[in-house]
Amino acid sequence: MNAAADDWRRMAQERFLPPGTALTRRPYEPSRPHWEHDHCVFCFIKFEKSTRPSQGRATLTEGYTTTNAHANGADYYWVCPTCVVDFAAELGWVISG
């Protein structure tokens, strides 16, 4: 499913996730020692290693992330499963996992 042209989640993410970007599904792991969470670069849902509720908001413990092939490396950008379904075909990402 493609998102509408005026979808609120569109913020020029194709600048850093261009066509051909490899995304792989995996459990969330912080990419930096001092980080405890990340957010989907489209809808901002939080990714955490823990399944505990985060101040009453939804959190995910796995999603799609960049690989070592990306200029910024593995686990740098995270995309939730819903946003992958909505944007992967349009943006031409290579999905695995």
PDB file of N, CA and C in Angstrom:
ATOM      1  N   MET A   1       0.851  -1.180   0.000  1.00  0.00           N
ATOM      2  CA  MET A   1       0.000   0.000   0.000  1.00  0.00           C
ATOM      3  C   MET A   1       0.893   1.239   0.000  1.00  0.00           C
ATOM      4  N   ASN A   2       0.580   2.162  -0.845  1.00  0.00           N
ATOM      5  CA  ASN A   2       1.321   3.426  -0.863  1.00  0.00           C
ATOM      6  C   ASN A   2       0.589   4.468  -0.034  1.00  0.00           C
ATOM      7  N   ALA A   3       1.342   5.300   0.629  1.00  0.00           N
ATOM      8  CA  ALA A   3       0.764   6.389   1.410  1.00  0.00           C
ATOM      9  C   ALA A   3       0.312   7.500   0.470  1.00  0.00           C
ATOM     10  N   ALA A   4      -0.664   8.251   0.908  1.00  0.00           N
ATOM     11  CA  ALA A   4      -1.174   9.378   0.117  1.00  0.00           C
ATOM     12  C   ALA A   4      -0.084  10.431  -0.072  1.00  0.00           C
ATOM     13  N   ALA A   5      -0.201  11.174  -1.139  1.00  0.00           N
ATOM     14  CA  ALA A   5       0.791  12.215  -1.448  1.00  0.00           C
ATOM     15  C   ALA A   5       0.905  13.252  -0.331  1.00  0.00           C
ATOM     16  N   ASP A   6      -0.193  13.480   0.392  1.00  0.00           N
ATOM     17  CA  ASP A   6      -0.174  14.473   1.470  1.00  0.00           C
ATOM     18  C   ASP A   6      -0.066  13.834   2.861  1.00  0.00           C
ATOM     19  N   ASP A   7       0.381  12.593   2.934  1.00  0.00           N
ATOM     20  CA  ASP A   7       0.518  11.886   4.209  1.00  0.00           C
ATOM     21  C   ASP A   7       1.425  12.687   5.148  1.00  0.00           C
ATOM     22  N   TRP A   8       1.002  12.859   6.387  1.00  0.00           N
ATOM     23  CA  TRP A   8       1.735  13.669   7.361  1.00  0.00           C
ATOM     24  C   TRP A   8       3.126  13.116   7.670  1.00  0.00           C
ATOM     25  N   ARG A   9       3.348  11.837   7.386  1.00  0.00           N
ATOM     26  CA  ARG A   9       4.646  11.221   7.694  1.00  0.00           C
ATOM     27  C   ARG A   9       5.734  11.586   6.691  1.00  0.00           C
ATOM     28  N   ARG A  10       5.365  12.167   5.576  1.00  0.00           N
ATOM     29  CA  ARG A  10       6.350  12.513   4.539  1.00  0.00           C
ATOM     30  C   ARG A  10       7.163  13.743   4.964  1.00  0.00           C
ATOM     31  N   MET A  11       8.468  13.546   5.092  1.00  0.00           N
ATOM     32  CA  MET A  11       9.364  14.642   5.470  1.00  0.00           C
ATOM     33  C   MET A  11      10.681  14.532   4.717  1.00  0.00           C
ATOM     34  N   ALA A  12      10.610  14.185   3.447  1.00  0.00           N
ATOM     35  CA  ALA A  12      11.790  14.067   2.575  1.00  0.00           C
ATOM     36  C   ALA A  12      12.783  13.012   3.061  1.00  0.00           C
ATOM     37  N   GLN A  13      12.277  11.914   3.611  1.00  0.00           N
ATOM     38  CA  GLN A  13      13.154  10.838   4.074  1.00  0.00           C
ATOM     39  C   GLN A  13      13.948  10.213   2.937  1.00  0.00           C
ATOM     40  N   GLU A  14      13.496  10.403   1.685  1.00  0.00           N
ATOM     41  CA  GLU A  14      14.242   9.840   0.552  1.00  0.00           C
ATOM     42  C   GLU A  14      15.642  10.450   0.440  1.00  0.00           C
ATOM     43  N   ARG A  15      15.891  11.562   1.120  1.00  0.00           N
ATOM     44  CA  ARG A  15      17.238  12.151   1.134  1.00  0.00           C
ATOM     45  C   ARG A  15      18.240  11.234   1.829  1.00  0.00           C
ATOM     46  N   PHE A  16      17.805  10.567   2.905  1.00  0.00           N
ATOM     47  CA  PHE A  16      18.724   9.693   3.632  1.00  0.00           C
ATOM     48  C   PHE A  16      18.363   8.215   3.534  1.00  0.00           C
ATOM     49  N   LEU A  17      17.203   7.900   2.928  1.00  0.00           N
ATOM     50  CA  LEU A  17      16.813   6.517   2.635  1.00  0.00           C
ATOM     51  C   LEU A  17      16.417   6.445   1.159  1.00  0.00           C
ATOM     52  N   PRO A  18      17.369   6.651   0.257  1.00  0.00           N
ATOM     53  CA  PRO A  18      17.058   6.720  -1.174  1.00  0.00           C
ATOM     54  C   PRO A  18      16.712   5.351  -1.758  1.00  0.00           C
ATOM     55  N   PRO A  19      16.206   5.321  -2.993  1.00  0.00           N
ATOM     56  CA  PRO A  19      15.943   4.040  -3.648  1.00  0.00           C
ATOM     57  C   PRO A  19      17.180   3.141  -3.589  1.00  0.00           C
ATOM     58  N   GLY A  20      16.929   1.871  -3.334  1.00  0.00           N
ATOM     59  CA  GLY A  20      18.018   0.904  -3.225  1.00  0.00           C
ATOM     60  C   GLY A  20      18.535   0.704  -1.815  1.00  0.00           C
ATOM     61  N   THR A  21      18.077   1.524  -0.861  1.00  0.00           N
ATOM     62  CA  THR A  21      18.509   1.363   0.527  1.00  0.00           C
ATOM     63  C   THR A  21      18.080  -0.002   1.041  1.00  0.00           C
ATOM     64  N   ALA A  22      19.008  -0.732   1.638  1.00  0.00           N
ATOM     65  CA  ALA A  22      18.713  -2.033   2.237  1.00  0.00           C
ATOM     66  C   ALA A  22      18.232  -1.826   3.668  1.00  0.00           C
ATOM     67  N   LEU A  23      17.069  -2.392   3.967  1.00  0.00           N
ATOM     68  CA  LEU A  23      16.533  -2.393   5.323  1.00  0.00           C
ATOM     69  C   LEU A  23      16.306  -3.843   5.721  1.00  0.00           C
ATOM     70  N   THR A  24      16.683  -4.187   6.929  1.00  0.00           N
ATOM     71  CA  THR A  24      16.496  -5.546   7.414  1.00  0.00           C
ATOM     72  C   THR A  24      15.707  -5.524   8.714  1.00  0.00           C
ATOM     73  N   ARG A  25      14.834  -6.530   8.884  1.00  0.00           N
ATOM     74  CA  ARG A  25      14.031  -6.605  10.104  1.00  0.00           C
ATOM     75  C   ARG A  25      14.863  -7.268  11.194  1.00  0.00           C
ATOM     76  N   ARG A  26      14.837  -6.643  12.376  1.00  0.00           N
ATOM     77  CA  ARG A  26      15.603  -7.188  13.492  1.00  0.00           C
ATOM     78  C   ARG A  26      15.104  -6.612  14.810  1.00  0.00           C
ATOM     79  N   PRO A  27      15.438  -7.285  15.917  1.00  0.00           N
ATOM     80  CA  PRO A  27      15.115  -6.724  17.224  1.00  0.00           C
ATOM     81  C   PRO A  27      15.892  -5.426  17.430  1.00  0.00           C
ATOM     82  N   TYR A  28      15.285  -4.498  18.138  1.00  0.00           N
ATOM     83  CA  TYR A  28      15.949  -3.217  18.384  1.00  0.00           C
ATOM     84  C   TYR A  28      17.150  -3.403  19.303  1.00  0.00           C
ATOM     85  N   GLU A  29      18.255  -2.836  18.905  1.00  0.00           N
ATOM     86  CA  GLU A  29      19.471  -2.723  19.714  1.00  0.00           C
ATOM     87  C   GLU A  29      19.983  -1.302  19.532  1.00  0.00           C
ATOM     88  N   PRO A  30      20.236  -0.583  20.615  1.00  0.00           N
ATOM     89  CA  PRO A  30      20.789   0.764  20.465  1.00  0.00           C
ATOM     90  C   PRO A  30      22.112   0.720  19.707  1.00  0.00           C
ATOM     91  N   SER A  31      22.309   1.658  18.807  1.00  0.00           N
ATOM     92  CA  SER A  31      23.543   1.671  18.023  1.00  0.00           C
ATOM     93  C   SER A  31      24.665   2.444  18.714  1.00  0.00           C
ATOM     94  N   ARG A  32      24.344   3.115  19.783  1.00  0.00           N
ATOM     95  CA  ARG A  32      25.343   3.848  20.564  1.00  0.00           C
ATOM     96  C   ARG A  32      25.194   3.434  22.034  1.00  0.00           C
ATOM     97  N   PRO A  33      26.279   3.334  22.780  1.00  0.00           N
ATOM     98  CA  PRO A  33      26.210   2.866  24.168  1.00  0.00           C
ATOM     99  C   PRO A  33      25.288   3.694  25.062  1.00  0.00           C
ATOM    100  N   HIS A  34      25.198   4.983  24.840  1.00  0.00           N
ATOM    101  CA  HIS A  34      24.407   5.850  25.714  1.00  0.00           C
ATOM    102  C   HIS A  34      22.950   5.997  25.267  1.00  0.00           C
ATOM    103  N   TRP A  35      22.576   5.392  24.157  1.00  0.00           N
ATOM    104  CA  TRP A  35      21.194   5.491  23.677  1.00  0.00           C
ATOM    105  C   TRP A  35      20.350   4.390  24.297  1.00  0.00           C
ATOM    106  N   GLU A  36      19.126   4.720  24.619  1.00  0.00           N
ATOM    107  CA  GLU A  36      18.211   3.703  25.141  1.00  0.00           C
ATOM    108  C   GLU A  36      17.029   3.465  24.213  1.00  0.00           C
ATOM    109  N   HIS A  37      16.838   4.343  23.232  1.00  0.00           N
ATOM    110  CA  HIS A  37      15.732   4.155  22.296  1.00  0.00           C
ATOM    111  C   HIS A  37      16.002   4.906  20.996  1.00  0.00           C
ATOM    112  N   ASP A  38      15.196   4.612  19.998  1.00  0.00           N
ATOM    113  CA  ASP A  38      15.184   5.316  18.719  1.00  0.00           C
ATOM    114  C   ASP A  38      13.729   5.508  18.333  1.00  0.00           C
ATOM    115  N   HIS A  39      13.501   6.193  17.206  1.00  0.00           N
ATOM    116  CA  HIS A  39      12.145   6.416  16.707  1.00  0.00           C
ATOM    117  C   HIS A  39      12.078   6.067  15.233  1.00  0.00           C
ATOM    118  N   CYS A  40      10.902   5.652  14.791  1.00  0.00           N
ATOM    119  CA  CYS A  40      10.662   5.468  13.364  1.00  0.00           C
ATOM    120  C   CYS A  40      10.856   6.824  12.690  1.00  0.00           C
ATOM    121  N   VAL A  41      11.609   6.841  11.600  1.00  0.00           N
ATOM    122  CA  VAL A  41      11.893   8.107  10.921  1.00  0.00           C
ATOM    123  C   VAL A  41      10.675   8.653  10.174  1.00  0.00           C
ATOM    124  N   PHE A  42       9.582   7.910  10.161  1.00  0.00           N
ATOM    125  CA  PHE A  42       8.351   8.386   9.531  1.00  0.00           C
ATOM    126  C   PHE A  42       7.301   8.782  10.566  1.00  0.00           C
ATOM    127  N   CYS A  43       6.891   7.854  11.419  1.00  0.00           N
ATOM    128  CA  CYS A  43       5.765   8.124  12.329  1.00  0.00           C
ATOM    129  C   CYS A  43       6.194   8.409  13.767  1.00  0.00           C
ATOM    130  N   PHE A  44       7.476   8.265  14.046  1.00  0.00           N
ATOM    131  CA  PHE A  44       8.069   8.575  15.353  1.00  0.00           C
ATOM    132  C   PHE A  44       7.730   7.598  16.471  1.00  0.00           C
ATOM    133  N   ILE A  45       7.093   6.455  16.147  1.00  0.00           N
ATOM    134  CA  ILE A  45       6.870   5.479  17.211  1.00  0.00           C
ATOM    135  C   ILE A  45       8.222   5.086  17.798  1.00  0.00           C
ATOM    136  N   LYS A  46       8.247   4.833  19.084  1.00  0.00           N
ATOM    137  CA  LYS A  46       9.499   4.568  19.788  1.00  0.00           C
ATOM    138  C   LYS A  46       9.890   3.094  19.685  1.00  0.00           C
ATOM    139  N   PHE A  47      11.181   2.859  19.474  1.00  0.00           N
ATOM    140  CA  PHE A  47      11.778   1.527  19.543  1.00  0.00           C
ATOM    141  C   PHE A  47      12.585   1.458  20.832  1.00  0.00           C
ATOM    142  N   GLU A  48      12.358   0.390  21.611  1.00  0.00           N
ATOM    143  CA  GLU A  48      13.126   0.154  22.830  1.00  0.00           C
ATOM    144  C   GLU A  48      13.477  -1.318  22.913  1.00  0.00           C
ATOM    145  N   LYS A  49      14.520  -1.616  23.648  1.00  0.00           N
ATOM    146  CA  LYS A  49      14.910  -3.010  23.853  1.00  0.00           C
ATOM    147  C   LYS A  49      13.924  -3.707  24.783  1.00  0.00           C
ATOM    148  N   SER A  50      13.393  -2.984  25.720  1.00  0.00           N
ATOM    149  CA  SER A  50      12.468  -3.507  26.717  1.00  0.00           C
ATOM    150  C   SER A  50      11.039  -3.477  26.193  1.00  0.00           C
ATOM    151  N   THR A  51      10.200  -4.345  26.721  1.00  0.00           N
ATOM    152  CA  THR A  51       8.788  -4.338  26.341  1.00  0.00           C
ATOM    153  C   THR A  51       7.934  -3.562  27.342  1.00  0.00           C
ATOM    154  N   ARG A  52       8.562  -2.925  28.299  1.00  0.00           N
ATOM    155  CA  ARG A  52       7.796  -2.180  29.307  1.00  0.00           C
ATOM    156  C   ARG A  52       7.065  -0.999  28.665  1.00  0.00           C
ATOM    157  N   PRO A  53       5.895  -0.663  29.178  1.00  0.00           N
ATOM    158  CA  PRO A  53       5.196   0.508  28.637  1.00  0.00           C
ATOM    159  C   PRO A  53       6.034   1.765  28.832  1.00  0.00           C
ATOM    160  N   SER A  54       6.034   2.629  27.861  1.00  0.00           N
ATOM    161  CA  SER A  54       6.816   3.858  27.911  1.00  0.00           C
ATOM    162  C   SER A  54       5.887   5.030  28.168  1.00  0.00           C
ATOM    163  N   GLN A  55       5.677   5.344  29.428  1.00  0.00           N
ATOM    164  CA  GLN A  55       4.815   6.456  29.822  1.00  0.00           C
ATOM    165  C   GLN A  55       3.452   6.365  29.139  1.00  0.00           C
ATOM    166  N   GLY A  56       2.929   5.135  29.025  1.00  0.00           N
ATOM    167  CA  GLY A  56       1.603   4.942  28.458  1.00  0.00           C
ATOM    168  C   GLY A  56       1.542   4.960  26.943  1.00  0.00           C
ATOM    169  N   ARG A  57       2.670   5.178  26.277  1.00  0.00           N
ATOM    170  CA  ARG A  57       2.682   5.221  24.810  1.00  0.00           C
ATOM    171  C   ARG A  57       3.154   3.888  24.251  1.00  0.00           C
ATOM    172  N   ALA A  58       2.738   3.603  23.037  1.00  0.00           N
ATOM    173  CA  ALA A  58       3.154   2.372  22.373  1.00  0.00           C
ATOM    174  C   ALA A  58       4.648   2.401  22.076  1.00  0.00           C
ATOM    175  N   THR A  59       5.273   1.249  22.214  1.00  0.00           N
ATOM    176  CA  THR A  59       6.675   1.100  21.826  1.00  0.00           C
ATOM    177  C   THR A  59       6.821  -0.199  21.046  1.00  0.00           C
ATOM    178  N   LEU A  60       7.856  -0.286  20.248  1.00  0.00           N
ATOM    179  CA  LEU A  60       8.161  -1.495  19.495  1.00  0.00           C
ATOM    180  C   LEU A  60       9.513  -2.025  19.943  1.00  0.00           C
ATOM    181  N   THR A  61       9.674  -3.341  19.878  1.00  0.00           N
ATOM    182  CA  THR A  61      10.953  -3.951  20.226  1.00  0.00           C
ATOM    183  C   THR A  61      11.675  -4.481  18.992  1.00  0.00           C
ATOM    184  N   GLU A  62      11.042  -4.380  17.822  1.00  0.00           N
ATOM    185  CA  GLU A  62      11.721  -4.735  16.578  1.00  0.00           C
ATOM    186  C   GLU A  62      11.132  -3.948  15.428  1.00  0.00           C
ATOM    187  N   GLY A  63      11.908  -3.850  14.376  1.00  0.00           N
ATOM    188  CA  GLY A  63      11.473  -3.107  13.199  1.00  0.00           C
ATOM    189  C   GLY A  63      12.498  -3.273  12.099  1.00  0.00           C
ATOM    190  N   TYR A  64      12.502  -2.367  11.150  1.00  0.00           N
ATOM    191  CA  TYR A  64      13.425  -2.416  10.013  1.00  0.00           C
ATOM    192  C   TYR A  64      14.481  -1.332  10.189  1.00  0.00           C
ATOM    193  N   THR A  65      15.715  -1.695   9.899  1.00  0.00           N
ATOM    194  CA  THR A  65      16.813  -0.761  10.110  1.00  0.00           C
ATOM    195  C   THR A  65      17.833  -0.852   8.980  1.00  0.00           C
ATOM    196  N   THR A  66      18.617   0.186   8.862  1.00  0.00           N
ATOM    197  CA  THR A  66      19.661   0.206   7.842  1.00  0.00           C
ATOM    198  C   THR A  66      20.722  -0.853   8.143  1.00  0.00           C
ATOM    199  N   THR A  67      21.472  -1.206   7.109  1.00  0.00           N
ATOM    200  CA  THR A  67      22.531  -2.210   7.223  1.00  0.00           C
ATOM    201  C   THR A  67      23.892  -1.526   7.123  1.00  0.00           C
ATOM    202  N   ASN A  68      24.936  -2.319   7.189  1.00  0.00           N
ATOM    203  CA  ASN A  68      26.296  -1.776   7.037  1.00  0.00           C
ATOM    204  C   ASN A  68      26.515  -1.125   5.684  1.00  0.00           C
ATOM    205  N   ALA A  69      25.672  -1.445   4.706  1.00  0.00           N
ATOM    206  CA  ALA A  69      25.805  -0.855   3.372  1.00  0.00           C
ATOM    207  C   ALA A  69      25.432   0.630   3.354  1.00  0.00           C
ATOM    208  N   HIS A  70      24.697   1.105   4.351  1.00  0.00           N
ATOM    209  CA  HIS A  70      24.280   2.511   4.411  1.00  0.00           C
ATOM    210  C   HIS A  70      25.466   3.385   4.822  1.00  0.00           C
ATOM    211  N   ALA A  71      25.501   4.596   4.310  1.00  0.00           N
ATOM    212  CA  ALA A  71      26.595   5.534   4.619  1.00  0.00           C
ATOM    213  C   ALA A  71      26.765   5.756   6.120  1.00  0.00           C
ATOM    214  N   ASN A  72      25.661   5.727   6.877  1.00  0.00           N
ATOM    215  CA  ASN A  72      25.730   5.915   8.327  1.00  0.00           C
ATOM    216  C   ASN A  72      25.823   4.602   9.091  1.00  0.00           C
ATOM    217  N   GLY A  73      25.798   3.490   8.380  1.00  0.00           N
ATOM    218  CA  GLY A  73      25.984   2.191   9.018  1.00  0.00           C
ATOM    219  C   GLY A  73      24.711   1.505   9.465  1.00  0.00           C
ATOM    220  N   ALA A  74      24.923   0.332  10.030  1.00  0.00           N
ATOM    221  CA  ALA A  74      23.821  -0.500  10.506  1.00  0.00           C
ATOM    222  C   ALA A  74      23.139   0.134  11.710  1.00  0.00           C
ATOM    223  N   ASP A  75      21.839  -0.070  11.786  1.00  0.00           N
ATOM    224  CA  ASP A  75      21.025   0.346  12.937  1.00  0.00           C
ATOM    225  C   ASP A  75      20.957   1.857  13.136  1.00  0.00           C
ATOM    226  N   TYR A  76      21.296   2.626  12.119  1.00  0.00           N
ATOM    227  CA  TYR A  76      21.283   4.080  12.283  1.00  0.00           C
ATOM    228  C   TYR A  76      19.880   4.650  12.132  1.00  0.00           C
ATOM    229  N   TYR A  77      19.160   4.232  11.091  1.00  0.00           N
ATOM    230  CA  TYR A  77      17.779   4.667  10.881  1.00  0.00           C
ATOM    231  C   TYR A  77      16.851   3.485  11.110  1.00  0.00           C
ATOM    232  N   TRP A  78      15.725   3.735  11.775  1.00  0.00           N
ATOM    233  CA  TRP A  78      14.728   2.700  12.052  1.00  0.00           C
ATOM    234  C   TRP A  78      13.401   3.092  11.418  1.00  0.00           C
ATOM    235  N   VAL A  79      12.709   2.080  10.870  1.00  0.00           N
ATOM    236  CA  VAL A  79      11.396   2.276  10.255  1.00  0.00           C
ATOM    237  C   VAL A  79      10.474   1.191  10.806  1.00  0.00           C
ATOM    238  N   CYS A  80       9.295   1.571  11.270  1.00  0.00           N
ATOM    239  CA  CYS A  80       8.363   0.597  11.827  1.00  0.00           C
ATOM    240  C   CYS A  80       7.737  -0.239  10.702  1.00  0.00           C
ATOM    241  N   PRO A  81       7.210  -1.428  11.035  1.00  0.00           N
ATOM    242  CA  PRO A  81       6.603  -2.280  10.009  1.00  0.00           C
ATOM    243  C   PRO A  81       5.474  -1.602   9.232  1.00  0.00           C
ATOM    244  N   THR A  82       4.654  -0.813   9.880  1.00  0.00           N
ATOM    245  CA  THR A  82       3.562  -0.124   9.183  1.00  0.00           C
ATOM    246  C   THR A  82       4.104   0.829   8.131  1.00  0.00           C
ATOM    247  N   CYS A  83       5.113   1.597   8.476  1.00  0.00           N
ATOM    248  CA  CYS A  83       5.677   2.560   7.522  1.00  0.00           C
ATOM    249  C   CYS A  83       6.441   1.863   6.407  1.00  0.00           C
ATOM    250  N   VAL A  84       7.045   0.709   6.678  1.00  0.00           N
ATOM    251  CA  VAL A  84       7.684  -0.065   5.605  1.00  0.00           C
ATOM    252  C   VAL A  84       6.630  -0.481   4.590  1.00  0.00           C
ATOM    253  N   VAL A  85       5.496  -0.988   5.065  1.00  0.00           N
ATOM    254  CA  VAL A  85       4.411  -1.377   4.155  1.00  0.00           C
ATOM    255  C   VAL A  85       3.955  -0.178   3.335  1.00  0.00           C
ATOM    256  N   ASP A  86       3.842   0.970   3.963  1.00  0.00           N
ATOM    257  CA  ASP A  86       3.308   2.158   3.293  1.00  0.00           C
ATOM    258  C   ASP A  86       4.287   2.841   2.338  1.00  0.00           C
ATOM    259  N   PHE A  87       5.596   2.691   2.545  1.00  0.00           N
ATOM    260  CA  PHE A  87       6.560   3.467   1.759  1.00  0.00           C
ATOM    261  C   PHE A  87       7.611   2.656   0.991  1.00  0.00           C
ATOM    262  N   ALA A  88       7.829   1.396   1.310  1.00  0.00           N
ATOM    263  CA  ALA A  88       8.935   0.632   0.710  1.00  0.00           C
ATOM    264  C   ALA A  88       8.856   0.536  -0.806  1.00  0.00           C
ATOM    265  N   ALA A  89       7.710   0.193  -1.340  1.00  0.00           N
ATOM    266  CA  ALA A  89       7.595   0.039  -2.801  1.00  0.00           C
ATOM    267  C   ALA A  89       7.811   1.376  -3.501  1.00  0.00           C
ATOM    268  N   GLU A  90       7.171   2.409  -2.993  1.00  0.00           N
ATOM    269  CA  GLU A  90       7.296   3.740  -3.597  1.00  0.00           C
ATOM    270  C   GLU A  90       8.739   4.242  -3.577  1.00  0.00           C
ATOM    271  N   LEU A  91       9.433   4.026  -2.463  1.00  0.00           N
ATOM    272  CA  LEU A  91      10.788   4.544  -2.319  1.00  0.00           C
ATOM    273  C   LEU A  91      11.857   3.566  -2.802  1.00  0.00           C
ATOM    274  N   GLY A  92      11.450   2.372  -3.197  1.00  0.00           N
ATOM    275  CA  GLY A  92      12.385   1.436  -3.807  1.00  0.00           C
ATOM    276  C   GLY A  92      13.415   0.841  -2.872  1.00  0.00           C
ATOM    277  N   TRP A  93      13.028   0.601  -1.625  1.00  0.00           N
ATOM    278  CA  TRP A  93      13.950  -0.009  -0.679  1.00  0.00           C
ATOM    279  C   TRP A  93      14.078  -1.501  -0.944  1.00  0.00           C
ATOM    280  N   VAL A  94      15.177  -2.085  -0.519  1.00  0.00           N
ATOM    281  CA  VAL A  94      15.405  -3.526  -0.600  1.00  0.00           C
ATOM    282  C   VAL A  94      15.195  -4.074   0.810  1.00  0.00           C
ATOM    283  N   ILE A  95      14.128  -4.851   0.984  1.00  0.00           N
ATOM    284  CA  ILE A  95      13.715  -5.317   2.308  1.00  0.00           C
ATOM    285  C   ILE A  95      14.118  -6.777   2.503  1.00  0.00           C
ATOM    286  N   SER A  96      14.660  -7.080   3.688  1.00  0.00           N
ATOM    287  CA  SER A  96      14.946  -8.472   4.039  1.00  0.00           C
ATOM    288  C   SER A  96      14.509  -8.729   5.472  1.00  0.00           C
ATOM    289  N   GLY A  97      14.376 -10.015   5.775  1.00  0.00           N
ATOM    290  CA  GLY A  97      13.980 -10.401   7.128  1.00  0.00           C
ATOM    291  C   GLY A  97      12.521 -10.381   7.259  1.00  0.00           C
TER     292      GLY A  97
END
